Amino acid sequence: MPTRDPRIDAYIAKAQPFAQPILAHIRAVVHEACPDVVETMKWSFPHFTYRGHILCGMSAFKAHCALGFWRSRDLVGAATKNAEAMGDYGRLASVADLPSATKLKAVVRRAMRLEDAGAPRVPRKKSAPKPPPVTPRALASALAKVPRAKAAWAAFAPSHRREYIEWITEAKTAPTRERRIAQTVEWVADGKGRNWKYAR
């Protein structure tokens, strides 16, 4: 029997308006392709499991979504991989950015067949480590004015700092950038990561 996790309902409801139909579509397609799918939250993102193993996971960010299969190299390969976004299909800004429902269901079913066959999981190749993110001068200055935020920022993992930096640098106008810097200082002072609202 398939299971639905209310935490995923909440995750979708809290996502940006553009992201909600993408996440709902992925969820529906996975359930159609895999009647025995079980939903769960892992690493603060929705995942879909089959026979105790992860088939795929989805996530929503400020301006895009992502969909990734656990056996990515076996199922999707490198052809659609986008180095600039996590997931197997690059930055998803609308349902149209996904493969057709038919193709997506076929990938889910292939993933199920691999699990049914007990195929060994190929370890993912470790990618070259990213250089530490460079803190923008304006953000560093704002953090320096709040000792608690400055200390928390220094203790953050590089990935947490990068999420904030990308959010700030993606701002298209100076007022938006300034608001994001102020919000960053407030959240960082409380020890919160950029996507703390989605954490469970």
Protein backbone atom coordinates (compact mmCIF):
# COMPACT_ATOMS: atom_id res chain seq x y z
CA MET A 1 0.00 0.00 0.00
CA PRO A 2 1.34 3.47 -0.81
CA THR A 3 1.83 5.87 2.06
CA ARG A 4 1.60 9.64 2.05
CA ASP A 5 3.56 11.65 4.55
CA PRO A 6 1.82 14.78 5.88
CA ARG A 7 5.23 16.42 6.18
CA ILE A 8 5.41 16.42 2.39
CA ASP A 9 1.98 18.08 2.21
CA ALA A 10 3.37 20.79 4.48
CA TYR A 11 6.60 21.06 2.47
CA ILE A 12 4.68 21.61 -0.77
CA ALA A 13 2.32 24.10 0.87
CA LYS A 14 5.27 26.17 2.13
CA ALA A 15 7.13 26.12 -1.20
CA GLN A 16 7.11 29.11 -3.54
CA PRO A 17 3.92 29.32 -5.67
CA PHE A 18 5.80 28.38 -8.87
CA ALA A 19 7.21 25.29 -7.15
CA GLN A 20 3.98 23.82 -5.82
CA PRO A 21 2.66 22.42 -9.14
CA ILE A 22 6.10 20.99 -9.95
CA LEU A 23 6.34 19.15 -6.65
CA ALA A 24 2.72 17.98 -6.83
CA HIS A 25 3.27 16.70 -10.38
CA ILE A 26 6.41 14.76 -9.44
CA ARG A 27 4.62 13.27 -6.46
CA ALA A 28 1.63 12.18 -8.56
CA VAL A 29 3.81 10.64 -11.27
CA VAL A 30 5.87 8.66 -8.75
CA HIS A 31 2.71 7.31 -7.11
CA GLU A 32 1.25 6.32 -10.49
CA ALA A 33 4.44 4.53 -11.50
CA CYS A 34 5.06 2.87 -8.15
CA PRO A 35 1.84 1.86 -6.35
CA ASP A 36 3.84 0.64 -3.33
CA VAL A 37 5.84 3.82 -2.89
CA VAL A 38 6.41 5.11 0.64
CA GLU A 39 6.96 8.81 1.26
CA THR A 40 9.39 10.16 3.82
CA MET A 41 11.53 13.17 4.64
CA LYS A 42 15.31 12.79 4.50
CA TRP A 43 17.84 15.61 4.78
CA SER A 44 14.85 17.98 5.10
CA PHE A 45 13.59 17.12 1.58
CA PRO A 46 10.77 14.82 0.35
CA HIS A 47 11.90 11.36 -0.75
CA PHE A 48 10.13 8.33 -2.20
CA THR A 49 11.16 4.84 -1.18
CA TYR A 50 10.42 1.35 -2.45
CA ARG A 51 11.16 -1.80 -0.46
CA GLY A 52 13.11 0.28 2.01
CA HIS A 53 15.36 1.92 -0.57
CA ILE A 54 15.25 5.45 -1.92
CA LEU A 55 13.97 5.76 -5.49
CA CYS A 56 14.18 9.52 -5.80
CA GLY A 57 13.88 12.81 -3.97
CA MET A 58 12.65 16.28 -4.82
CA SER A 59 13.39 19.71 -3.42
CA ALA A 60 12.29 23.31 -3.80
CA PHE A 61 14.43 26.42 -3.63
CA LYS A 62 13.86 30.13 -4.07
CA ALA A 63 13.76 30.10 -7.88
CA HIS A 64 13.85 26.46 -8.94
CA CYS A 65 13.11 22.86 -7.99
CA ALA A 66 15.19 19.72 -8.37
CA LEU A 67 14.49 16.02 -8.88
CA GLY A 68 17.15 13.39 -8.33
CA PHE A 69 17.19 9.60 -8.59
CA TRP A 70 19.23 7.60 -6.12
CA ARG A 71 20.57 5.36 -8.88
CA SER A 72 21.15 8.37 -11.08
CA ARG A 73 24.00 6.95 -13.15
CA ASP A 74 22.11 3.72 -13.86
CA LEU A 75 18.84 5.46 -14.75
CA VAL A 76 19.53 8.91 -16.11
CA GLY A 77 23.23 8.96 -16.92
CA ALA A 78 25.21 12.12 -17.43
CA ALA A 79 23.29 13.42 -20.45
CA THR A 80 20.81 15.53 -18.51
CA LYS A 81 23.02 16.33 -15.55
CA ASN A 82 23.38 20.03 -14.93
CA ALA A 83 26.44 20.93 -12.88
CA GLU A 84 24.84 24.20 -11.86
CA ALA A 85 21.93 22.55 -10.05
CA MET A 86 21.43 19.57 -7.83
CA GLY A 87 19.25 16.82 -9.24
CA ASP A 88 19.20 15.00 -12.55
CA TYR A 89 17.21 17.43 -14.70
CA GLY A 90 18.79 20.77 -13.94
CA ARG A 91 16.89 23.78 -12.64
CA LEU A 92 13.16 23.10 -12.80
CA ALA A 93 11.17 26.32 -13.01
CA SER A 94 7.97 24.78 -14.36
CA VAL A 95 6.41 21.38 -15.04
CA ALA A 96 7.43 21.83 -18.69
CA ASP A 97 11.10 21.55 -17.65
CA LEU A 98 10.53 17.92 -16.64
CA PRO A 99 10.45 14.96 -19.02
CA SER A 100 6.94 13.91 -20.01
CA ALA A 101 4.95 11.97 -17.43
CA THR A 102 5.34 8.85 -19.58
CA LYS A 103 9.13 9.14 -19.66
CA LEU A 104 9.35 9.97 -15.99
CA LYS A 105 7.21 6.98 -15.04
CA ALA A 106 9.48 4.79 -17.15
CA VAL A 107 12.50 5.95 -15.15
CA VAL A 108 10.70 5.26 -11.85
CA ARG A 109 9.77 1.76 -13.05
CA ARG A 110 13.35 1.07 -14.10
CA ALA A 111 14.45 2.10 -10.62
CA MET A 112 11.92 -0.33 -9.15
CA ARG A 113 13.17 -3.16 -11.37
CA LEU A 114 16.74 -2.56 -10.21
CA GLU A 115 15.58 -2.83 -6.60
CA ASP A 116 13.55 -5.97 -7.38
CA ALA A 117 16.61 -7.54 -8.97
CA GLY A 118 18.80 -6.64 -6.02
CA ALA A 119 21.22 -4.80 -8.27
CA PRO A 120 24.22 -3.47 -6.38
CA ARG A 121 24.29 0.23 -5.88
CA VAL A 122 27.15 1.86 -7.71
CA PRO A 123 28.90 4.32 -5.41
CA ARG A 124 28.65 7.85 -6.63
CA LYS A 125 31.89 9.43 -7.76
CA LYS A 126 33.02 12.10 -5.42
CA SER A 127 33.04 15.45 -7.14
CA ALA A 128 35.91 17.83 -6.64
CA PRO A 129 35.34 19.87 -3.49
CA LYS A 130 34.00 23.35 -4.11
CA PRO A 131 36.20 26.21 -2.99
CA PRO A 132 35.03 27.90 0.21
CA PRO A 133 32.39 30.54 -0.56
CA VAL A 134 33.57 34.14 -0.50
CA THR A 135 31.45 36.30 1.79
CA PRO A 136 30.36 39.51 0.03
CA ARG A 137 31.78 42.63 1.66
CA ALA A 138 28.34 44.05 2.48
CA LEU A 139 27.30 40.84 4.23
CA ALA A 140 30.58 40.60 6.15
CA SER A 141 30.10 44.18 7.32
CA ALA A 142 26.51 43.49 8.46
CA LEU A 143 27.54 40.31 10.28
CA ALA A 144 30.38 42.14 12.04
CA LYS A 145 27.85 44.46 13.68
CA VAL A 146 26.10 41.53 15.37
CA PRO A 147 28.67 39.44 17.31
CA ARG A 148 26.29 36.48 17.73
CA ALA A 149 25.63 36.39 13.98
CA LYS A 150 29.34 36.73 13.18
CA ALA A 151 30.21 33.80 15.46
CA ALA A 152 27.41 31.62 14.05
CA TRP A 153 28.49 32.44 10.49
CA ALA A 154 32.06 31.38 11.24
CA ALA A 155 30.74 28.07 12.64
CA PHE A 156 28.47 27.36 9.67
CA ALA A 157 29.47 24.66 7.20
CA PRO A 158 30.61 26.06 3.82
CA SER A 159 27.44 24.67 2.21
CA HIS A 160 25.25 26.65 4.63
CA ARG A 161 27.19 29.84 3.95
CA ARG A 162 27.01 29.23 0.20
CA GLU A 163 23.19 28.94 0.30
CA TYR A 164 22.93 32.38 1.89
CA ILE A 165 25.54 33.94 -0.38
CA GLU A 166 23.83 32.65 -3.52
CA TRP A 167 20.46 33.93 -2.27
CA ILE A 168 21.93 37.37 -1.70
CA THR A 169 23.91 37.59 -4.94
CA GLU A 170 20.92 36.40 -6.99
CA ALA A 171 19.00 39.53 -5.94
CA LYS A 172 18.27 41.66 -8.99
CA THR A 173 18.04 45.02 -7.22
CA ALA A 174 19.99 46.74 -4.46
CA PRO A 175 16.96 47.08 -2.14
CA THR A 176 16.24 43.35 -2.45
CA ARG A 177 19.89 42.56 -1.76
CA GLU A 178 19.86 44.77 1.33
CA ARG A 179 16.68 43.11 2.63
CA ARG A 180 18.20 39.70 2.12
CA ILE A 181 21.38 40.71 3.94
CA ALA A 182 19.32 41.94 6.90
CA GLN A 183 17.27 38.73 6.90
CA THR A 184 20.43 36.65 6.68
CA VAL A 185 21.94 38.36 9.72
CA GLU A 186 18.75 37.79 11.71
CA TRP A 187 18.48 34.10 10.81
CA VAL A 188 22.19 33.41 11.21
CA ALA A 189 22.15 35.02 14.65
CA ASP A 190 19.53 32.42 15.59
CA GLY A 191 21.68 29.63 14.13
CA LYS A 192 19.27 29.00 11.26
CA GLY A 193 20.25 27.71 7.85
CA ARG A 194 18.89 29.33 4.71
CA ASN A 195 16.17 26.66 4.29
CA TRP A 196 15.32 26.32 7.98
CA LYS A 197 11.58 26.72 7.25
CA TYR A 198 11.60 23.36 5.44
CA ALA A 199 13.60 21.49 8.08
CA ARG A 200 11.76 18.82 10.05
